[in-house]
N, C-alpha and C. Protein backbone atom coordinates (compact mmCIF):
# COMPACT_ATOMS: atom_id res chain seq x y z
N MET A 1 91.57 207.10 40.91
CA MET A 1 92.71 206.95 41.92
C MET A 1 92.72 206.33 43.16
N ASN A 2 93.88 205.65 43.25
CA ASN A 2 94.12 204.62 44.09
C ASN A 2 94.36 205.37 45.60
N LYS A 3 94.82 206.34 45.42
CA LYS A 3 95.27 207.15 46.63
C LYS A 3 94.09 208.23 46.84
N GLU A 4 94.29 208.61 48.15
CA GLU A 4 93.07 209.50 48.57
C GLU A 4 93.44 210.69 47.66
N ALA A 5 92.37 211.50 47.28
CA ALA A 5 92.68 212.43 46.66
C ALA A 5 92.86 214.01 46.93
N LYS A 6 93.87 214.58 47.09
CA LYS A 6 94.17 215.63 47.73
C LYS A 6 93.24 216.75 47.23
N ILE A 7 92.60 217.38 47.86
CA ILE A 7 91.68 218.69 48.04
C ILE A 7 92.19 219.94 48.05
N SER A 8 92.16 220.76 46.99
CA SER A 8 92.41 222.18 47.10
C SER A 8 91.53 223.44 47.13
N VAL A 9 90.75 223.96 48.02
CA VAL A 9 89.86 225.23 47.80
C VAL A 9 90.36 226.31 47.67
N ALA A 10 90.35 227.11 46.49
CA ALA A 10 90.58 227.91 45.98
C ALA A 10 89.75 229.23 46.28
N MET A 11 90.22 230.18 47.05
CA MET A 11 89.21 231.51 47.32
C MET A 11 90.23 232.77 47.03
N ALA A 12 89.30 233.84 46.53
CA ALA A 12 89.41 234.86 46.33
C ALA A 12 89.14 236.38 47.32
N VAL A 13 89.75 236.94 47.91
CA VAL A 13 89.83 237.49 49.20
C VAL A 13 89.95 239.01 48.76
N PHE A 14 88.96 240.08 48.63
CA PHE A 14 89.26 241.41 48.85
C PHE A 14 88.06 241.84 49.52
N ASN A 15 88.65 243.21 50.52
CA ASN A 15 87.63 243.56 51.57
C ASN A 15 86.40 242.41 52.04
N GLY A 16 86.94 241.57 52.63
CA GLY A 16 85.93 240.40 53.08
C GLY A 16 85.72 240.53 54.49
N GLU A 17 86.16 241.12 55.48
CA GLU A 17 86.40 240.76 57.17
C GLU A 17 85.07 240.34 57.62
N LYS A 18 84.25 240.85 57.41
CA LYS A 18 82.77 240.43 57.80
C LYS A 18 82.58 239.33 57.87
N TYR A 19 82.68 238.49 56.73
CA TYR A 19 82.07 237.18 57.06
C TYR A 19 83.09 235.90 56.73
N LEU A 20 84.47 236.70 56.60
CA LEU A 20 85.64 235.68 56.41
C LEU A 20 85.82 234.39 57.41
N LYS A 21 85.79 234.65 58.75
CA LYS A 21 86.34 233.65 59.67
C LYS A 21 84.93 232.50 59.85
N GLU A 22 83.62 232.73 59.48
CA GLU A 22 82.54 232.19 59.38
C GLU A 22 82.75 231.08 58.21
N GLN A 23 83.16 231.85 56.93
CA GLN A 23 83.06 230.88 56.15
C GLN A 23 84.38 229.90 56.29
N ILE A 24 85.47 229.97 56.54
CA ILE A 24 86.50 229.45 56.48
C ILE A 24 86.53 228.66 57.63
N SER A 25 85.59 228.59 58.30
CA SER A 25 85.48 227.82 59.51
C SER A 25 84.52 226.55 59.00
N SER A 26 83.52 227.02 58.21
CA SER A 26 82.74 225.94 57.64
C SER A 26 83.88 224.81 56.42
N ILE A 27 84.62 225.58 55.87
CA ILE A 27 85.68 224.77 54.73
C ILE A 27 86.24 224.28 55.71
N LEU A 28 87.23 224.72 56.71
CA LEU A 28 88.26 223.69 57.18
C LEU A 28 87.82 222.53 58.05
N VAL A 29 86.64 222.54 58.59
CA VAL A 29 86.35 221.65 59.15
C VAL A 29 85.82 220.29 58.39
N GLN A 30 85.70 220.60 57.07
CA GLN A 30 85.65 219.48 56.17
C GLN A 30 86.92 218.98 55.55
N LEU A 31 88.00 219.65 55.72
CA LEU A 31 89.00 219.58 54.84
C LEU A 31 89.87 217.92 55.81
N LYS A 32 90.54 217.77 55.18
CA LYS A 32 91.73 216.75 55.71
C LYS A 32 93.12 217.24 55.72
N GLU A 33 93.89 216.46 56.55
CA GLU A 33 95.04 216.81 56.87
C GLU A 33 96.35 217.66 55.69
N ASN A 34 96.08 216.63 54.94
CA ASN A 34 97.02 217.24 53.32
C ASN A 34 96.08 217.99 52.47
N ASP A 35 95.00 217.78 53.02
CA ASP A 35 94.16 219.21 52.14
C ASP A 35 94.94 220.50 52.41
N GLU A 36 94.31 221.70 51.56
CA GLU A 36 94.52 222.56 51.51
C GLU A 36 93.63 224.09 51.32
N LEU A 37 93.67 225.28 51.59
CA LEU A 37 93.24 226.31 51.63
C LEU A 37 93.54 227.14 50.94
N VAL A 38 93.90 227.60 49.58
CA VAL A 38 94.56 228.60 48.73
C VAL A 38 93.41 229.88 48.93
N ILE A 39 94.39 230.87 49.52
CA ILE A 39 93.19 232.15 49.36
C ILE A 39 94.55 233.64 49.09
N SER A 40 94.25 233.53 47.64
CA SER A 40 94.65 235.03 47.07
C SER A 40 94.29 236.14 47.60
N VAL A 41 94.54 237.33 48.20
CA VAL A 41 94.19 238.49 48.74
C VAL A 41 95.01 239.39 48.18
N ASP A 42 93.73 239.86 47.60
CA ASP A 42 94.04 241.55 46.91
C ASP A 42 93.94 242.36 47.96
N LYS A 43 94.72 243.88 47.40
CA LYS A 43 95.12 244.58 48.49
C LYS A 43 93.72 245.47 49.23
N SER A 44 93.47 245.20 50.48
CA SER A 44 91.90 245.52 51.35
C SER A 44 92.20 246.73 52.07
N SER A 45 91.21 247.23 52.03
CA SER A 45 91.06 248.47 52.79
C SER A 45 90.43 248.28 54.28
N ASP A 46 90.24 247.16 54.72
CA ASP A 46 90.06 246.55 55.96
C ASP A 46 90.61 245.95 56.75
N ASN A 47 90.23 244.88 57.76
CA ASN A 47 91.21 243.99 58.09
C ASN A 47 91.38 242.77 57.55
N SER A 48 91.22 242.39 56.33
CA SER A 48 90.90 241.02 55.73
C SER A 48 92.15 240.36 55.97
N LEU A 49 93.25 240.83 55.61
CA LEU A 49 95.00 240.29 55.33
C LEU A 49 94.56 239.84 56.94
N GLU A 50 94.72 240.69 58.17
CA GLU A 50 95.25 240.67 59.47
C GLU A 50 94.30 239.50 59.88
N ILE A 51 93.27 239.32 59.51
CA ILE A 51 92.13 238.42 60.02
C ILE A 51 93.06 237.07 59.24
N LEU A 52 93.44 236.73 58.10
CA LEU A 52 93.82 235.77 57.63
C LEU A 52 95.19 235.12 58.06
N LYS A 53 95.92 236.04 58.12
CA LYS A 53 97.19 235.97 59.00
C LYS A 53 97.11 234.98 60.12
N ARG A 54 96.40 235.79 60.59
CA ARG A 54 96.10 235.04 62.47
C ARG A 54 95.50 233.78 62.12
N LEU A 55 94.91 233.61 61.35
CA LEU A 55 94.08 232.14 60.94
C LEU A 55 94.71 230.92 60.27
N SER A 56 95.83 231.64 59.25
CA SER A 56 97.04 230.85 59.12
C SER A 56 97.94 230.36 59.61
N LYS A 57 98.26 231.30 60.88
CA LYS A 57 99.27 230.72 61.73
C LYS A 57 98.40 229.73 62.80
N GLU A 58 97.04 229.42 62.92
CA GLU A 58 96.29 228.47 63.76
C GLU A 58 95.76 227.32 62.78
N ASP A 59 96.51 227.28 61.39
CA ASP A 59 95.73 226.32 60.56
C ASP A 59 97.05 226.28 59.86
N ASN A 60 97.65 225.37 59.27
CA ASN A 60 98.58 225.59 58.32
C ASN A 60 98.16 224.59 57.06
N ARG A 61 96.98 224.56 56.72
CA ARG A 61 96.31 223.95 55.84
C ARG A 61 96.47 225.64 54.99
N ILE A 62 95.61 226.67 55.87
CA ILE A 62 95.55 227.91 54.90
C ILE A 62 96.83 228.44 54.36
N LYS A 63 97.02 228.26 52.62
CA LYS A 63 97.74 228.96 52.16
C LYS A 63 97.66 230.40 51.63
N LEU A 64 98.28 231.49 52.09
CA LEU A 64 98.15 232.70 51.63
C LEU A 64 98.81 233.36 50.75
N ILE A 65 98.07 233.57 49.40
CA ILE A 65 99.04 234.10 48.35
C ILE A 65 98.74 235.89 48.20
N LYS A 66 100.04 236.80 47.52
CA LYS A 66 99.73 237.75 47.30
C LYS A 66 98.77 238.11 45.90
N GLY A 67 97.72 238.52 46.10
CA GLY A 67 97.18 238.82 44.84
C GLY A 67 97.47 239.65 43.95
N PRO A 68 97.13 239.66 42.48
CA PRO A 68 97.39 240.65 41.80
C PRO A 68 96.82 242.07 41.41
N ASN A 69 96.09 242.36 42.41
CA ASN A 69 95.27 243.10 42.45
C ASN A 69 94.80 244.02 41.13
N SER A 70 94.47 243.23 40.35
CA SER A 70 93.79 243.37 39.00
C SER A 70 92.00 242.85 38.87
N GLY A 71 91.41 242.84 39.94
CA GLY A 71 89.88 242.21 39.73
C GLY A 71 89.99 241.39 40.48
N ILE A 72 88.39 240.58 40.56
CA ILE A 72 88.16 239.42 40.96
C ILE A 72 88.83 238.23 39.86
N ILE A 73 88.23 238.31 38.70
CA ILE A 73 88.71 237.16 37.62
C ILE A 73 90.10 236.99 37.97
N LYS A 74 91.20 237.94 38.10
CA LYS A 74 92.59 237.84 38.05
C LYS A 74 92.79 236.93 39.22
N ASN A 75 92.30 237.90 40.18
CA ASN A 75 92.28 236.89 41.70
C ASN A 75 92.11 235.59 41.88
N PHE A 76 91.09 235.25 41.35
CA PHE A 76 90.94 233.76 41.47
C PHE A 76 91.58 232.75 40.34
N GLU A 77 92.30 233.41 39.28
CA GLU A 77 92.94 232.82 38.75
C GLU A 77 94.44 232.54 39.56
N SER A 78 94.82 233.59 40.25
CA SER A 78 95.93 233.64 41.00
C SER A 78 95.93 232.34 42.20
N ALA A 79 94.55 232.23 42.83
CA ALA A 79 94.07 230.95 43.75
C ALA A 79 94.21 229.77 43.46
N ILE A 80 93.70 229.72 41.69
CA ILE A 80 93.69 228.29 41.21
C ILE A 80 95.16 228.04 40.82
N LEU A 81 95.59 229.01 40.03
CA LEU A 81 97.18 228.40 39.64
C LEU A 81 98.24 228.05 40.68
N ASN A 82 97.81 228.53 42.01
CA ASN A 82 98.70 228.16 43.20
C ASN A 82 98.31 226.89 44.13
N CYS A 83 97.00 226.58 43.45
CA CYS A 83 96.56 224.85 44.08
C CYS A 83 97.12 223.68 43.78
N THR A 84 97.47 222.81 44.23
CA THR A 84 98.50 221.89 44.07
C THR A 84 97.02 220.50 44.19
N GLY A 85 96.15 220.61 44.38
CA GLY A 85 95.06 219.16 45.13
C GLY A 85 95.02 218.65 43.55
N ASP A 86 94.03 217.47 43.78
CA ASP A 86 93.72 216.65 42.57
C ASP A 86 92.30 217.55 42.32
N TYR A 87 91.52 217.84 43.28
CA TYR A 87 90.28 218.27 43.09
C TYR A 87 90.47 219.78 43.47
N ILE A 88 90.03 220.54 42.68
CA ILE A 88 89.88 221.99 43.27
C ILE A 88 88.53 222.81 43.19
N PHE A 89 88.53 223.12 44.17
CA PHE A 89 86.96 223.61 45.00
C PHE A 89 87.11 224.99 44.69
N LEU A 90 85.95 225.62 43.91
CA LEU A 90 86.07 227.69 44.41
C LEU A 90 85.21 227.95 45.35
N SER A 91 85.91 228.96 46.11
CA SER A 91 84.89 229.19 47.57
C SER A 91 84.71 230.96 47.43
N ASP A 92 84.05 231.58 47.70
CA ASP A 92 83.55 232.75 47.77
C ASP A 92 84.16 233.34 49.53
N GLN A 93 84.10 234.29 49.67
CA GLN A 93 84.75 234.88 51.14
C GLN A 93 83.66 235.02 52.07
N ASP A 94 82.34 234.93 51.57
CA ASP A 94 81.24 235.38 52.23
C ASP A 94 80.29 234.51 52.33
N ASP A 95 79.90 232.98 51.88
CA ASP A 95 79.02 232.00 52.32
C ASP A 95 79.43 231.13 52.99
N LEU A 96 78.54 230.22 52.80
CA LEU A 96 78.59 229.24 54.39
C LEU A 96 78.42 227.72 53.87
N TRP A 97 79.31 227.27 53.91
CA TRP A 97 79.39 225.77 53.18
C TRP A 97 78.56 224.74 54.50
N VAL A 98 77.63 223.61 53.72
CA VAL A 98 77.14 222.77 54.48
C VAL A 98 77.75 221.59 54.76
N LYS A 99 77.70 221.01 55.89
CA LYS A 99 78.28 220.28 56.23
C LYS A 99 78.15 218.76 55.29
N ASN A 100 79.26 218.21 54.99
CA ASN A 100 79.39 216.91 54.11
C ASN A 100 79.58 217.50 52.47
N LYS A 101 79.85 219.02 52.04
CA LYS A 101 79.60 219.41 51.02
C LYS A 101 81.14 218.62 50.44
N ILE A 102 82.13 218.71 50.62
CA ILE A 102 83.35 218.37 49.94
C ILE A 102 83.36 216.79 50.08
N SER A 103 82.74 215.92 50.68
CA SER A 103 82.64 214.32 50.53
C SER A 103 81.73 214.01 49.65
N LYS A 104 80.30 214.99 49.51
CA LYS A 104 79.47 214.50 48.40
C LYS A 104 80.14 214.91 47.21
N VAL A 105 80.82 216.16 46.92
CA VAL A 105 81.29 216.68 45.55
C VAL A 105 82.17 215.63 45.11
N LYS A 106 82.74 215.45 46.29
CA LYS A 106 84.19 214.40 45.75
C LYS A 106 83.84 212.73 45.28
N ASP A 107 82.52 212.56 46.26
CA ASP A 107 82.04 211.21 45.36
C ASP A 107 81.79 211.33 43.97
N CYS A 108 81.25 212.41 43.81
CA CYS A 108 80.97 212.75 42.07
C CYS A 108 82.20 212.45 41.08
N LEU A 109 83.35 213.66 41.94
CA LEU A 109 84.68 213.16 40.97
C LEU A 109 85.00 212.21 40.97
N LYS A 110 84.99 211.08 41.69
CA LYS A 110 85.83 210.00 41.70
C LYS A 110 85.32 209.02 40.55
N ASN A 111 84.19 209.41 40.01
CA ASN A 111 84.04 208.84 38.90
C ASN A 111 84.67 209.27 37.39
N GLU A 112 85.47 208.75 36.99
CA GLU A 112 86.36 208.84 35.73
C GLU A 112 85.95 209.62 34.71
N ASP A 113 84.40 209.42 34.38
CA ASP A 113 83.95 210.67 33.21
C ASP A 113 83.40 212.09 33.69
N ILE A 114 83.65 212.03 34.94
CA ILE A 114 82.97 213.49 35.15
C ILE A 114 84.55 214.34 35.58
N ASP A 115 84.30 215.82 35.27
CA ASP A 115 85.36 216.62 35.05
C ASP A 115 85.22 217.91 36.14
N LEU A 116 83.95 218.09 36.37
CA LEU A 116 83.48 219.19 37.29
C LEU A 116 82.12 219.07 37.40
N VAL A 117 81.98 219.17 38.72
CA VAL A 117 80.39 219.27 39.71
C VAL A 117 80.22 220.51 39.61
N LEU A 118 78.67 220.86 39.34
CA LEU A 118 78.23 222.20 39.89
C LEU A 118 77.17 221.60 40.69
N HIS A 119 77.10 222.10 41.97
CA HIS A 119 75.73 221.55 43.14
C HIS A 119 74.69 222.92 43.01
N ASP A 120 73.63 222.60 43.45
CA ASP A 120 73.08 223.72 43.89
C ASP A 120 73.08 224.62 44.84
N ALA A 121 72.77 225.55 45.50
CA ALA A 121 72.47 226.31 46.76
C ALA A 121 71.35 227.01 47.24
N LYS A 122 71.44 227.08 48.37
CA LYS A 122 70.38 228.17 49.14
C LYS A 122 70.81 229.81 49.16
N VAL A 123 69.54 230.37 48.77
CA VAL A 123 70.16 231.45 48.99
C VAL A 123 69.81 232.44 49.75
N SER A 124 70.52 233.04 50.65
CA SER A 124 70.10 233.78 51.97
C SER A 124 70.34 235.36 51.79
N ASP A 125 69.83 235.89 52.99
CA ASP A 125 70.11 237.32 52.95
C ASP A 125 71.53 237.59 53.89
N GLU A 126 71.89 238.85 54.18
CA GLU A 126 73.30 238.88 55.21
C GLU A 126 72.97 238.04 56.47
N ASN A 127 72.24 237.99 56.77
CA ASN A 127 72.17 237.29 58.23
C ASN A 127 71.63 235.52 58.06
N LEU A 128 71.74 235.44 56.67
CA LEU A 128 71.58 233.91 56.66
C LEU A 128 70.09 233.24 56.68
N LYS A 129 69.13 234.26 56.75
CA LYS A 129 67.81 233.58 56.32
C LYS A 129 67.55 233.37 54.70
N ILE A 130 66.86 232.27 54.84
CA ILE A 130 67.28 231.49 53.37
C ILE A 130 65.85 232.65 52.76
N THR A 131 65.96 233.08 51.47
CA THR A 131 65.19 233.88 50.57
C THR A 131 64.81 233.02 49.29
N CYS A 132 65.07 232.07 49.06
CA CYS A 132 65.36 230.83 48.05
C CYS A 132 65.98 229.90 48.13
N GLY A 133 65.10 228.92 47.94
CA GLY A 133 65.37 227.37 48.49
C GLY A 133 66.27 226.67 47.35
N SER A 134 66.53 227.32 46.52
CA SER A 134 67.29 226.45 45.23
C SER A 134 67.46 227.57 44.06
N PHE A 135 68.89 227.72 43.99
CA PHE A 135 69.62 228.62 42.95
C PHE A 135 69.26 228.11 41.33
N PHE A 136 69.43 226.34 41.47
CA PHE A 136 69.19 225.89 40.02
C PHE A 136 67.36 226.16 39.57
N LYS A 137 66.60 226.20 40.47
CA LYS A 137 65.05 226.81 40.29
C LYS A 137 65.37 228.17 39.93
N PHE A 138 65.74 229.10 40.45
CA PHE A 138 65.48 230.24 40.16
C PHE A 138 66.11 230.92 38.86
N ARG A 139 67.51 229.85 38.45
CA ARG A 139 68.31 230.19 37.37
C ARG A 139 67.59 228.93 36.37
N LYS A 140 67.02 228.23 36.36
CA LYS A 140 66.52 227.42 35.41
C LYS A 140 68.18 226.40 34.88
N SER A 141 68.87 226.21 35.80
CA SER A 141 70.45 225.62 35.79
C SER A 141 69.91 224.19 35.25
N LYS A 142 70.58 224.19 34.11
CA LYS A 142 71.25 222.60 33.26
C LYS A 142 72.44 223.04 32.56
N PRO A 143 73.10 221.95 31.78
CA PRO A 143 74.20 221.92 30.84
C PRO A 143 73.59 222.21 29.83
N GLY A 144 74.79 222.23 28.65
CA GLY A 144 74.39 222.79 27.34
C GLY A 144 75.85 223.97 27.02
N ILE A 145 76.13 223.93 26.03
CA ILE A 145 77.24 224.78 26.16
C ILE A 145 76.42 226.06 25.19
N PHE A 146 75.68 225.90 24.40
CA PHE A 146 75.23 227.10 23.86
C PHE A 146 74.15 227.95 24.81
N LYS A 147 73.21 226.94 25.68
CA LYS A 147 72.73 227.56 27.11
C LYS A 147 73.21 228.08 27.86
N ASN A 148 74.42 227.93 28.13
CA ASN A 148 75.16 228.56 29.14
C ASN A 148 76.02 229.86 28.21
N ILE A 149 76.34 229.94 27.12
CA ILE A 149 76.84 231.01 26.55
C ILE A 149 75.82 232.07 27.01
N PHE A 150 74.55 231.70 26.86
CA PHE A 150 73.25 232.62 26.34
C PHE A 150 72.65 232.97 27.87
N LYS A 151 72.40 232.48 28.83
CA LYS A 151 71.92 232.21 30.20
C LYS A 151 72.78 231.73 31.34
N ASN A 152 73.70 232.02 31.78
CA ASN A 152 74.72 231.28 32.42
C ASN A 152 74.10 230.13 33.66
N SER A 153 74.47 228.90 34.07
CA SER A 153 74.19 228.38 34.85
C SER A 153 75.17 228.28 36.06
N TYR A 154 76.74 228.49 35.79
CA TYR A 154 77.77 228.11 36.51
C TYR A 154 78.07 229.26 37.19
N ILE A 155 78.20 228.80 38.58
CA ILE A 155 78.46 229.93 39.64
C ILE A 155 79.60 229.26 40.54
N GLY A 156 80.70 230.17 40.62
CA GLY A 156 82.04 229.33 41.14
C GLY A 156 81.78 228.92 42.31
N CYS A 157 80.66 229.49 43.07
CA CYS A 157 80.90 228.76 44.56
C CYS A 157 80.45 227.75 44.98
N CYS A 158 79.70 227.34 43.80
CA CYS A 158 79.12 225.98 43.85
C CYS A 158 79.75 224.93 42.80
N MET A 159 80.70 225.25 42.52
CA MET A 159 82.04 224.01 41.67
C MET A 159 83.26 223.53 41.89
N ALA A 160 83.36 222.59 41.54
CA ALA A 160 84.62 221.61 41.85
C ALA A 160 84.74 221.52 40.77
N PHE A 161 86.36 221.09 40.60
CA PHE A 161 86.54 220.29 39.26
C PHE A 161 87.92 219.69 39.10
N LYS A 162 88.54 218.76 38.17
CA LYS A 162 89.50 218.21 38.34
C LYS A 162 90.75 218.86 38.18
N SER A 163 91.92 218.58 38.47
CA SER A 163 93.14 219.83 38.47
C SER A 163 93.41 219.58 37.06
N LYS A 164 92.89 218.67 35.86
CA LYS A 164 93.89 218.54 34.78
C LYS A 164 92.90 219.45 33.99
N LEU A 165 91.92 220.13 34.42
CA LEU A 165 91.18 220.99 33.51
C LEU A 165 92.04 222.44 33.52
N LYS A 166 92.75 222.41 34.34
CA LYS A 166 93.74 223.64 34.79
C LYS A 166 94.43 224.28 33.56
N GLU A 167 95.00 223.05 32.98
CA GLU A 167 95.78 223.70 31.58
C GLU A 167 94.81 224.16 30.35
N LYS A 168 93.47 223.80 30.52
CA LYS A 168 92.31 224.30 29.49
C LYS A 168 92.02 225.50 30.04
N ILE A 169 91.59 225.76 31.25
CA ILE A 169 91.10 226.79 32.05
C ILE A 169 91.91 228.21 31.85
N LEU A 170 93.14 228.21 32.34
CA LEU A 170 93.97 229.02 32.57
C LEU A 170 95.03 229.33 31.22
N PRO A 171 95.45 231.05 31.02
CA PRO A 171 95.19 231.88 31.90
C PRO A 171 93.71 232.19 31.45
N PHE A 172 92.71 232.93 31.74
CA PHE A 172 91.29 233.37 31.89
C PHE A 172 91.31 234.48 30.51
N PRO A 173 90.42 234.27 29.73
CA PRO A 173 90.64 235.50 28.63
C PRO A 173 90.28 236.81 29.08
N GLU A 174 90.81 237.45 28.06
CA GLU A 174 90.80 239.33 28.44
C GLU A 174 88.75 239.33 28.38
N ASN A 175 88.28 240.41 28.93
CA ASN A 175 86.98 240.52 28.66
C ASN A 175 86.20 239.84 28.39
N ILE A 176 85.86 238.70 29.81
CA ILE A 176 85.08 238.01 29.87
C ILE A 176 84.08 238.37 30.87
N PRO A 177 82.83 238.01 31.06
CA PRO A 177 82.13 238.40 32.59
C PRO A 177 82.30 238.04 33.87
N MET A 178 83.02 236.35 33.79
CA MET A 178 83.18 236.26 35.14
C MET A 178 83.82 234.81 34.67
N HIS A 179 84.58 234.50 35.84
CA HIS A 179 85.84 233.49 35.79
C HIS A 179 85.01 232.22 35.69
N ASP A 180 84.01 232.01 36.54
CA ASP A 180 83.18 230.86 36.58
C ASP A 180 82.53 230.30 35.27
N GLN A 181 81.76 230.99 34.44
CA GLN A 181 80.90 230.72 33.27
C GLN A 181 81.76 230.17 32.35
N TRP A 182 83.20 230.57 32.18
CA TRP A 182 84.44 230.33 31.34
C TRP A 182 84.88 229.12 32.01
N ILE A 183 84.86 228.69 33.15
CA ILE A 183 85.37 227.28 33.66
C ILE A 183 84.25 226.36 33.30
N GLY A 184 83.00 226.71 33.48
CA GLY A 184 81.62 225.60 33.03
C GLY A 184 82.00 225.07 31.67
N LEU A 185 82.19 226.46 30.89
CA LEU A 185 81.73 225.74 29.46
C LEU A 185 83.33 225.10 28.79
N ILE A 186 84.61 225.90 29.39
CA ILE A 186 85.43 224.91 29.08
C ILE A 186 85.18 223.30 29.46
N ALA A 187 85.22 223.14 30.97
CA ALA A 187 84.59 221.82 31.21
C ALA A 187 83.69 221.06 30.37
N GLU A 188 82.47 221.64 29.84
CA GLU A 188 81.31 220.93 28.75
C GLU A 188 82.35 221.15 27.32
N LYS A 189 83.28 221.47 27.04
CA LYS A 189 83.62 221.83 25.66
C LYS A 189 84.79 220.38 25.91
N TYR A 190 85.70 220.26 27.02
CA TYR A 190 86.76 219.24 26.74
C TYR A 190 86.41 218.02 27.70
N GLY A 191 85.49 218.09 28.48
CA GLY A 191 85.01 216.95 29.69
C GLY A 191 83.58 216.74 29.76
N LYS A 192 83.52 216.21 30.67
CA LYS A 192 81.75 215.91 31.20
C LYS A 192 81.54 217.00 32.66
N VAL A 193 80.33 217.44 32.91
CA VAL A 193 79.77 217.95 33.86
C VAL A 193 78.60 217.02 34.24
N LYS A 194 78.80 217.43 35.86
CA LYS A 194 77.27 216.89 36.42
C LYS A 194 76.97 218.18 37.27
N PHE A 195 75.34 218.02 37.08
CA PHE A 195 74.54 219.09 38.11
C PHE A 195 74.33 218.33 39.10
N LEU A 196 74.64 218.47 40.46
CA LEU A 196 74.00 217.83 41.65
C LEU A 196 72.90 218.44 42.08
N LYS A 197 71.59 218.13 42.17
CA LYS A 197 70.62 218.83 42.69
C LYS A 197 70.64 218.70 44.15
N GLU A 198 71.84 219.29 44.76
CA GLU A 198 71.41 219.09 46.37
C GLU A 198 72.35 220.56 47.18
N ALA A 199 71.40 221.27 47.76
CA ALA A 199 71.91 222.38 48.02
C ALA A 199 72.95 222.16 48.97
N LEU A 200 74.34 222.57 48.41
CA LEU A 200 75.49 222.32 49.45
C LEU A 200 75.97 223.13 49.98
N ILE A 201 75.61 224.50 49.64
CA ILE A 201 75.75 225.90 50.57
C ILE A 201 74.97 226.78 50.93
N ILE A 202 75.26 227.73 51.56
CA ILE A 202 73.93 228.94 51.74
C ILE A 202 74.95 230.14 51.14
N TYR A 203 74.41 230.79 49.82
CA TYR A 203 74.42 231.53 49.25
C TYR A 203 74.41 232.78 49.82
N ARG A 204 75.21 233.67 50.40
CA ARG A 204 74.41 234.69 50.94
C ARG A 204 74.66 235.86 50.03
N ARG A 205 74.01 236.82 50.17
CA ARG A 205 73.56 237.67 49.47
C ARG A 205 73.63 239.11 50.13
N HIS A 206 74.31 240.13 49.75
CA HIS A 206 74.24 241.42 50.46
C HIS A 206 75.14 242.82 49.36
N GLU A 207 74.85 243.69 50.11
CA GLU A 207 75.51 244.89 49.19
C GLU A 207 76.66 244.92 48.45
N HIS A 208 77.40 243.91 49.06
CA HIS A 208 78.81 244.11 48.59
C HIS A 208 79.02 242.95 47.59
N ASN A 209 78.45 242.25 47.23
CA ASN A 209 78.37 240.92 46.45
C ASN A 209 79.17 241.33 45.20
N ASN A 210 80.12 240.29 44.61
CA ASN A 210 80.65 240.65 43.31
C ASN A 210 79.53 240.54 42.30
N THR A 211 79.00 239.60 42.00
CA THR A 211 77.94 239.48 41.26
C THR A 211 76.59 239.52 41.21
N ASN A 212 75.95 239.63 40.45
CA ASN A 212 74.55 239.71 40.44
C ASN A 212 73.60 238.96 39.45
N PHE A 213 72.72 238.84 40.29
CA PHE A 213 71.68 238.03 39.97
C PHE A 213 70.50 238.44 38.40
N TYR A 214 70.92 239.49 38.28
CA TYR A 214 70.06 239.95 37.36
C TYR A 214 71.07 240.45 35.90
N HIS A 215 70.34 241.07 34.57
CA HIS A 215 71.22 240.95 33.81
C HIS A 215 72.12 242.32 33.55
N SER A 216 73.24 242.39 33.36
CA SER A 216 73.94 243.36 33.01
C SER A 216 73.25 244.29 31.86
N SER A 217 73.96 245.48 31.30
CA SER A 217 73.47 246.01 30.06
C SER A 217 73.63 245.09 28.81
N PHE A 218 72.49 245.50 27.62
CA PHE A 218 72.37 244.86 26.34
C PHE A 218 73.68 244.35 25.92
N ASN A 219 74.45 245.97 25.65
CA ASN A 219 75.84 246.12 24.95
C ASN A 219 76.81 245.06 25.87
N ASN A 220 77.06 245.19 27.20
CA ASN A 220 77.73 244.36 27.64
C ASN A 220 77.75 242.85 27.63
N MET A 221 76.07 242.54 27.23
CA MET A 221 76.17 241.18 27.13
C MET A 221 76.63 240.64 26.17
N ILE A 222 76.26 241.67 24.75
CA ILE A 222 76.77 241.29 23.71
C ILE A 222 78.28 241.25 23.86
N ILE A 223 78.85 241.89 23.86
CA ILE A 223 80.57 242.09 23.95
C ILE A 223 81.13 240.76 24.40
N TRP A 224 80.49 240.30 26.20
CA TRP A 224 81.31 239.50 26.74
C TRP A 224 80.99 238.10 26.10
N ARG A 225 79.45 237.86 25.57
CA ARG A 225 79.31 236.72 24.58
C ARG A 225 79.77 236.41 23.29
N PHE A 226 80.39 237.64 22.92
CA PHE A 226 81.15 237.92 21.29
C PHE A 226 82.24 237.12 21.89
N ASN A 227 83.07 237.58 22.82
CA ASN A 227 84.53 237.35 23.36
C ASN A 227 84.27 235.98 24.22
N ILE A 228 83.69 235.20 24.83
CA ILE A 228 83.27 234.13 25.38
C ILE A 228 83.44 233.60 24.08
N ILE A 229 82.35 233.21 23.07
CA ILE A 229 82.57 232.53 21.88
C ILE A 229 83.92 232.41 21.06
N LYS A 230 84.74 233.74 21.23
CA LYS A 230 85.85 233.95 20.38
C LYS A 230 86.53 232.66 20.93
N ASN A 231 86.82 232.99 22.11
CA ASN A 231 87.86 232.06 22.95
C ASN A 231 87.63 230.90 22.95
N LEU A 232 86.66 230.35 22.97
CA LEU A 232 85.52 229.17 22.99
C LEU A 232 86.15 228.11 21.93
N ILE A 233 86.22 228.80 20.47
CA ILE A 233 86.53 228.11 19.39
C ILE A 233 87.98 228.12 19.10
N ARG A 234 88.72 228.76 19.70
CA ARG A 234 90.02 228.81 20.19
C ARG A 234 90.61 227.46 20.57
N PRO A 235 91.76 226.76 20.04
CA PRO A 235 92.41 225.41 20.70
C PRO A 235 92.97 226.41 21.86
N ARG A 236 92.78 224.95 23.12
CA ARG A 236 93.74 225.46 24.45
C ARG A 236 94.46 224.52 24.67
């Protein structure tokens, strides 16, 4: 691209008041004037919406979208659908972005051959005390469609991709375990991915996280893998 690529950050919010302001601050400081932070907000029982409305009045790069109230996968689908940038970064509501995350990932995406970047993360407790220095090492992360069907490396908060993938990614299929695994597999099927071995976020783990470090039930894993394979072999 000759012009400066526009960055969109897609965030899904639900009952996220505790860490929202800190996370959004770590993102906005890295965005340029024409970039955007697109936040799809599901109906929450805390003050998430009030916090976001106040922040959006202070910074017009924040775009608030009414969420579908159908769970985290559909909430992220809503955010991604409303992104207008050339490069789309995914963001959880409770992590912390490391300085220069956007510029380092953007440098990778400038390569015409790379369609999606997945970078490493440091894992912390709720107070940002580091508990694991490398999510890649913990998860034994590496590319490969078959590898990532059976043991997923793709974690949305560490992911960015070119907007052209939207037509392949969306809509998310029903009955998949998580949107990020699907995005990573689609990028591998239709493009090329890069694993960036640099920890560019602090991945905060606490009692209300939507994702689990460890396995779900055996039955769920069989059903999810079957549904992923079934949808992957369909043309999109």
